[in-house]
Amino acid sequence: ISDEDLPKIEEKMRELLPSWVSFEGKEVSADEARKHFSNNPYKIELIDDLEKEGATITLYTSGNFTDLCRGGHVNTPSKDIKAQAFKLTKTAGAYWRGDENNSMLTRIYGFAFEKKNELDAYVEMQEEAKKRDHRKLGKELDLFLFSDLVGAGFPLFTPRGTLIRDLIDNFVWELREAQGYQRVDIPHLTKKDLYQKSGHWDKFGDELFKITTREGHELVVKPMNCPHHTQIFDRKPHSYREMPQRYANTTKVYRDEQTGELSGLTRVRSITQDDAHVF
């Protein structure tokens, strides 16, 4: 399936819509569900998981279509869904259950509104937004880029892009300093002990970039700045007259996002963070 197929799929959806008079749900056993979806390994996997969890398994039917679903639908699809008020927009690859070790499937995106004029207005707004998409402007204005040699999710900023970043950061620092924030600076690495103590080691798990030194020490490339800032505050006792302590810095953090989740500058592995903490 590709984007070129979407108009045909929309046409078929509109053809079937009148037959979808209502959604009818029923609880079934895991064996019944497996029998119904015997040719669908993805549904079988979900059913097996639901059975292990002891969860209720429900099938919902409308028209001649039955699916594994927990429910929550419009009451009368043929009346509640306006045939000309929905649109399929694009296709994209997606790993089954978000795991890059699983099969790559195709995801179809779309949206629906109560009225066609609302759909038309939204489509027009989306088209205007595409003209201003930061990925498009970044290339046209020579602001930033991604390099296959550097790696996906690690943006590189050109002289023009860096100038804009600096102007924004200078403006932000004016706001910070007016509120009494002090500049601090921290390394991009830490011993894993810091994150074990803060709880981030377990919370972030696979999102952490981990390094083992030649001496066997386990280090982490920081995914956030909070634990580092706590150590600056903890360097000495503070009088109540010195409180609050306000620390801030503009720095990078790193998270091992999956390739399929990356998108322009909105989802990256190297994130510039304007961060501040008050003690």
Protein backbone atom coordinates (compact mmCIF):
# COMPACT_ATOMS: atom_id res chain seq x y z
CA ILE A 1 0.00 0.00 0.00
CA SER A 2 1.26 3.47 -0.87
CA ASP A 3 -0.13 7.01 -0.80
CA GLU A 4 -1.36 6.50 -4.36
CA ASP A 5 -3.77 3.83 -3.11
CA LEU A 6 -5.50 6.07 -0.57
CA PRO A 7 -8.19 7.52 -2.90
CA LYS A 8 -9.28 3.97 -3.83
CA ILE A 9 -9.39 2.97 -0.16
CA GLU A 10 -11.46 6.06 0.67
CA GLU A 11 -13.86 5.21 -2.15
CA LYS A 12 -14.28 1.68 -0.78
CA MET A 13 -14.83 3.02 2.74
CA ARG A 14 -17.65 5.25 1.50
CA GLU A 15 -19.13 2.33 -0.38
CA LEU A 16 -19.19 0.16 2.77
CA LEU A 17 -20.27 2.87 5.22
CA PRO A 18 -24.08 2.52 4.67
CA SER A 19 -23.87 -1.16 5.71
CA TRP A 20 -22.26 -0.24 9.04
CA VAL A 21 -25.53 0.32 10.89
CA SER A 22 -24.18 -0.38 14.39
CA PHE A 23 -21.30 -1.87 16.36
CA GLU A 24 -22.10 -5.11 18.14
CA GLY A 25 -19.65 -6.41 20.71
CA LYS A 26 -19.40 -9.75 22.46
CA GLU A 27 -17.04 -11.35 24.93
CA VAL A 28 -15.29 -14.48 23.69
CA SER A 29 -12.82 -16.98 25.04
CA ALA A 30 -9.20 -16.90 23.94
CA ASP A 31 -9.74 -20.10 21.94
CA GLU A 32 -12.74 -18.60 20.13
CA ALA A 33 -10.74 -15.49 19.31
CA ARG A 34 -7.78 -17.52 18.06
CA LYS A 35 -10.10 -19.57 15.86
CA HIS A 36 -11.60 -16.43 14.34
CA PHE A 37 -8.17 -14.90 13.61
CA SER A 38 -6.33 -18.14 12.80
CA ASN A 39 -4.74 -16.59 9.69
CA ASN A 40 -3.58 -13.42 11.45
CA PRO A 41 -0.38 -13.93 13.50
CA TYR A 42 -0.54 -10.38 14.87
CA LYS A 43 -4.01 -10.86 16.34
CA ILE A 44 -2.95 -14.25 17.73
CA GLU A 45 -0.05 -12.57 19.54
CA LEU A 46 -2.38 -9.98 21.07
CA ILE A 47 -4.87 -12.66 22.10
CA ASP A 48 -2.12 -14.70 23.77
CA ASP A 49 -1.04 -11.62 25.74
CA LEU A 50 -4.62 -10.83 26.78
CA GLU A 51 -5.07 -14.41 27.95
CA LYS A 52 -1.89 -14.24 30.04
CA GLU A 53 -3.09 -11.00 31.63
CA GLY A 54 -6.49 -12.51 32.39
CA ALA A 55 -8.10 -9.66 30.47
CA THR A 56 -11.55 -9.75 28.90
CA ILE A 57 -11.41 -10.48 25.17
CA THR A 58 -14.05 -8.82 23.00
CA LEU A 59 -14.85 -8.85 19.30
CA TYR A 60 -16.81 -6.05 17.66
CA THR A 61 -18.71 -6.34 14.38
CA SER A 62 -20.15 -3.77 12.02
CA GLY A 63 -21.37 -4.67 8.56
CA ASN A 64 -19.43 -7.77 7.56
CA PHE A 65 -16.26 -6.72 9.41
CA THR A 66 -15.25 -8.16 12.78
CA ASP A 67 -12.20 -7.09 14.73
CA LEU A 68 -10.46 -7.70 18.04
CA CYS A 69 -11.23 -4.56 20.04
CA ARG A 70 -11.88 -3.42 23.61
CA GLY A 71 -14.69 -1.17 22.40
CA GLY A 72 -15.65 2.46 22.42
CA HIS A 73 -17.26 3.46 19.12
CA VAL A 74 -19.88 5.71 17.62
CA ASN A 75 -23.33 4.17 18.04
CA THR A 76 -24.49 4.20 14.42
CA PRO A 77 -21.52 4.52 12.03
CA SER A 78 -23.67 4.93 8.91
CA LYS A 79 -25.31 8.01 10.46
CA ASP A 80 -22.65 9.35 12.79
CA ILE A 81 -19.82 9.26 10.23
CA LYS A 82 -20.33 11.65 7.33
CA ALA A 83 -19.13 10.08 4.08
CA GLN A 84 -17.56 13.31 2.79
CA ALA A 85 -16.13 14.45 6.12
CA PHE A 86 -13.15 12.09 6.43
CA LYS A 87 -9.91 11.82 4.52
CA LEU A 88 -6.93 9.46 4.44
CA THR A 89 -3.73 11.47 4.31
CA LYS A 90 -0.60 9.34 4.13
CA THR A 91 1.06 5.99 4.73
CA ALA A 92 4.12 5.26 6.82
CA GLY A 93 6.15 2.28 7.93
CA ALA A 94 5.74 1.18 11.53
CA TYR A 95 7.34 -1.69 13.40
CA TRP A 96 4.88 -4.12 14.92
CA ARG A 97 4.31 -3.04 18.53
CA GLY A 98 6.98 -0.35 18.16
CA ASP A 99 9.84 -2.87 18.27
CA GLU A 100 12.45 -2.52 15.52
CA ASN A 101 13.16 -6.25 15.80
CA ASN A 102 9.63 -7.01 14.61
CA SER A 103 8.13 -6.89 11.13
CA MET A 104 7.64 -3.56 9.40
CA LEU A 105 3.94 -2.87 8.79
CA THR A 106 2.13 -0.07 6.99
CA ARG A 107 0.26 2.55 8.99
CA ILE A 108 -2.45 4.63 7.32
CA TYR A 109 -3.12 8.11 8.69
CA GLY A 110 -6.36 10.03 8.37
CA PHE A 111 -8.79 12.33 10.11
CA ALA A 112 -12.53 12.85 10.34
CA PHE A 113 -14.84 15.74 11.19
CA GLU A 114 -18.52 16.22 11.80
CA LYS A 115 -18.95 18.37 8.70
CA LYS A 116 -17.27 18.54 5.30
CA ASN A 117 -16.53 22.26 5.60
CA GLU A 118 -14.58 21.54 8.80
CA LEU A 119 -12.58 18.90 6.94
CA ASP A 120 -11.91 21.29 4.05
CA ALA A 121 -10.71 24.01 6.42
CA TYR A 122 -8.38 21.58 8.18
CA VAL A 123 -6.97 20.25 4.91
CA GLU A 124 -6.27 23.81 3.77
CA MET A 125 -4.56 24.58 7.08
CA GLN A 126 -2.40 21.46 6.71
CA GLU A 127 -1.37 22.46 3.20
CA GLU A 128 -0.33 25.88 4.46
CA ALA A 129 1.59 24.23 7.30
CA LYS A 130 3.53 22.11 4.80
CA LYS A 131 4.85 25.28 3.19
CA ARG A 132 6.23 26.28 6.60
CA ASP A 133 7.46 22.84 7.65
CA HIS A 134 10.75 23.31 9.51
CA ARG A 135 12.33 20.42 7.57
CA LYS A 136 11.54 22.16 4.28
CA LEU A 137 12.64 25.61 5.50
CA GLY A 138 15.75 24.20 7.16
CA LYS A 139 16.98 22.95 3.81
CA GLU A 140 15.85 25.93 1.74
CA LEU A 141 17.36 28.48 4.16
CA ASP A 142 20.49 26.38 4.83
CA LEU A 143 19.91 26.17 8.59
CA PHE A 144 20.53 22.53 9.52
CA LEU A 145 21.09 19.10 8.04
CA PHE A 146 21.45 15.42 8.85
CA SER A 147 24.40 13.34 7.71
CA ASP A 148 24.36 9.59 7.10
CA LEU A 149 27.93 9.46 8.41
CA VAL A 150 27.01 11.28 11.63
CA GLY A 151 23.82 9.24 12.07
CA ALA A 152 20.05 9.60 12.08
CA GLY A 153 18.68 11.90 14.76
CA PHE A 154 21.87 13.93 15.21
CA PRO A 155 21.28 17.36 13.61
CA LEU A 156 24.13 19.52 12.37
CA PHE A 157 23.61 23.29 12.37
CA THR A 158 25.14 25.48 9.68
CA PRO A 159 26.57 28.97 10.39
CA ARG A 160 23.14 30.46 9.64
CA GLY A 161 21.36 27.95 11.83
CA THR A 162 23.84 28.46 14.65
CA LEU A 163 23.35 32.23 14.47
CA ILE A 164 19.59 31.79 14.92
CA ARG A 165 20.15 29.40 17.82
CA ASP A 166 22.48 31.89 19.50
CA LEU A 167 20.02 34.76 19.07
CA ILE A 168 17.26 32.68 20.66
CA ASP A 169 19.52 31.54 23.49
CA ASN A 170 20.68 35.10 24.20
CA PHE A 171 17.05 36.22 24.44
CA VAL A 172 16.24 33.34 26.79
CA TRP A 173 19.24 34.22 28.97
CA GLU A 174 17.99 37.78 29.32
CA LEU A 175 14.73 36.36 30.68
CA ARG A 176 16.56 33.97 33.00
CA GLU A 177 18.92 36.55 34.44
CA ALA A 178 16.01 38.89 35.13
CA GLN A 179 14.61 36.11 37.34
CA GLY A 180 17.88 35.53 39.18
CA TYR A 181 19.11 32.39 37.41
CA GLN A 182 22.84 31.68 37.42
CA ARG A 183 24.74 29.98 34.62
CA VAL A 184 26.14 26.53 35.28
CA ASP A 185 27.87 24.05 33.02
CA ILE A 186 27.89 20.27 33.23
CA PRO A 187 29.58 17.37 31.40
CA HIS A 188 27.72 15.24 28.89
CA LEU A 189 28.68 12.01 30.67
CA THR A 190 28.17 10.62 34.15
CA LYS A 191 28.75 7.45 36.10
CA LYS A 192 25.68 5.25 36.09
CA ASP A 193 25.63 5.58 39.89
CA LEU A 194 24.15 9.09 39.60
CA TYR A 195 21.15 7.84 37.61
CA GLN A 196 20.71 4.78 39.77
CA LYS A 197 20.41 7.09 42.77
CA SER A 198 18.03 9.47 40.99
CA GLY A 199 15.89 6.65 39.58
CA HIS A 200 16.50 7.58 35.96
CA TRP A 201 18.51 4.41 35.30
CA ASP A 202 15.38 2.26 35.57
CA LYS A 203 12.99 4.88 34.17
CA PHE A 204 14.87 5.51 30.92
CA GLY A 205 16.20 1.97 30.43
CA ASP A 206 16.83 1.33 26.73
CA GLU A 207 16.74 5.06 25.91
CA LEU A 208 20.13 5.55 27.59
CA PHE A 209 23.34 5.66 25.58
CA LYS A 210 25.75 3.60 27.69
CA ILE A 211 29.54 3.49 27.53
CA THR A 212 31.99 1.11 29.18
CA THR A 213 35.49 2.57 29.56
CA ARG A 214 38.65 0.55 29.00
CA GLU A 215 38.99 0.41 32.79
CA GLY A 216 35.53 -1.14 33.07
CA HIS A 217 33.64 1.89 34.39
CA GLU A 218 30.03 2.20 33.21
CA LEU A 219 29.13 5.69 32.02
CA VAL A 220 25.94 7.19 30.61
CA VAL A 221 25.49 9.98 28.06
CA LYS A 222 23.07 12.26 29.88
CA PRO A 223 19.40 12.13 28.80
CA MET A 224 18.53 14.99 31.19
CA ASN A 225 20.31 17.53 33.42
CA CYS A 226 18.47 17.41 36.74
CA PRO A 227 20.79 14.96 38.57
CA HIS A 228 23.88 16.94 37.54
CA HIS A 229 22.35 20.17 38.84
CA THR A 230 21.55 18.53 42.18
CA GLN A 231 25.24 17.78 42.60
CA ILE A 232 26.15 21.43 42.07
CA PHE A 233 23.65 22.43 44.75
CA ASP A 234 24.95 19.69 47.06
CA ARG A 235 28.53 20.97 46.92
CA LYS A 236 28.13 22.90 50.21
CA PRO A 237 25.57 23.81 52.89
CA HIS A 238 23.38 26.79 52.00
CA SER A 239 22.02 29.39 54.39
CA TYR A 240 18.32 30.18 54.14
CA ARG A 241 19.45 33.66 53.11
CA GLU A 242 20.94 32.14 49.95
CA MET A 243 17.73 30.42 48.98
CA PRO A 244 16.39 29.86 46.47
CA GLN A 245 19.31 28.77 44.31
CA ARG A 246 18.45 29.03 40.62
CA TYR A 247 20.64 27.20 38.09
CA ALA A 248 20.24 27.14 34.33
CA ASN A 249 22.09 26.17 31.20
CA THR A 250 21.49 25.51 27.54
CA THR A 251 22.98 22.14 26.75
CA LYS A 252 22.45 18.93 24.85
CA VAL A 253 20.88 15.73 26.11
CA TYR A 254 20.82 12.40 24.32
CA ARG A 255 18.22 9.66 24.07
CA ASP A 256 18.37 6.48 22.02
CA GLU A 257 15.12 6.95 20.13
CA GLN A 258 14.14 4.23 17.67
CA THR A 259 14.78 5.06 14.03
CA GLY A 260 11.09 4.90 13.13
CA GLU A 261 10.28 7.51 15.77
CA LEU A 262 12.70 10.16 14.46
CA SER A 263 11.24 13.20 12.70
CA GLY A 264 13.13 16.35 11.72
CA LEU A 265 14.07 18.39 14.78
CA THR A 266 10.91 17.42 16.68
CA ARG A 267 12.12 13.90 17.51
CA VAL A 268 15.89 13.46 17.58
CA ARG A 269 18.60 11.63 19.50
CA SER A 270 20.59 14.78 20.26
CA ILE A 271 18.31 17.37 21.87
CA THR A 272 19.21 20.96 22.73
CA GLN A 273 17.55 21.67 26.04
CA ASP A 274 16.97 25.01 27.72
CA ASP A 275 16.96 23.70 31.28
CA ALA A 276 16.68 25.26 34.72
CA HIS A 277 16.18 24.09 38.31
CA VAL A 278 15.29 25.87 41.52
CA PHE A 279 16.51 24.68 44.93
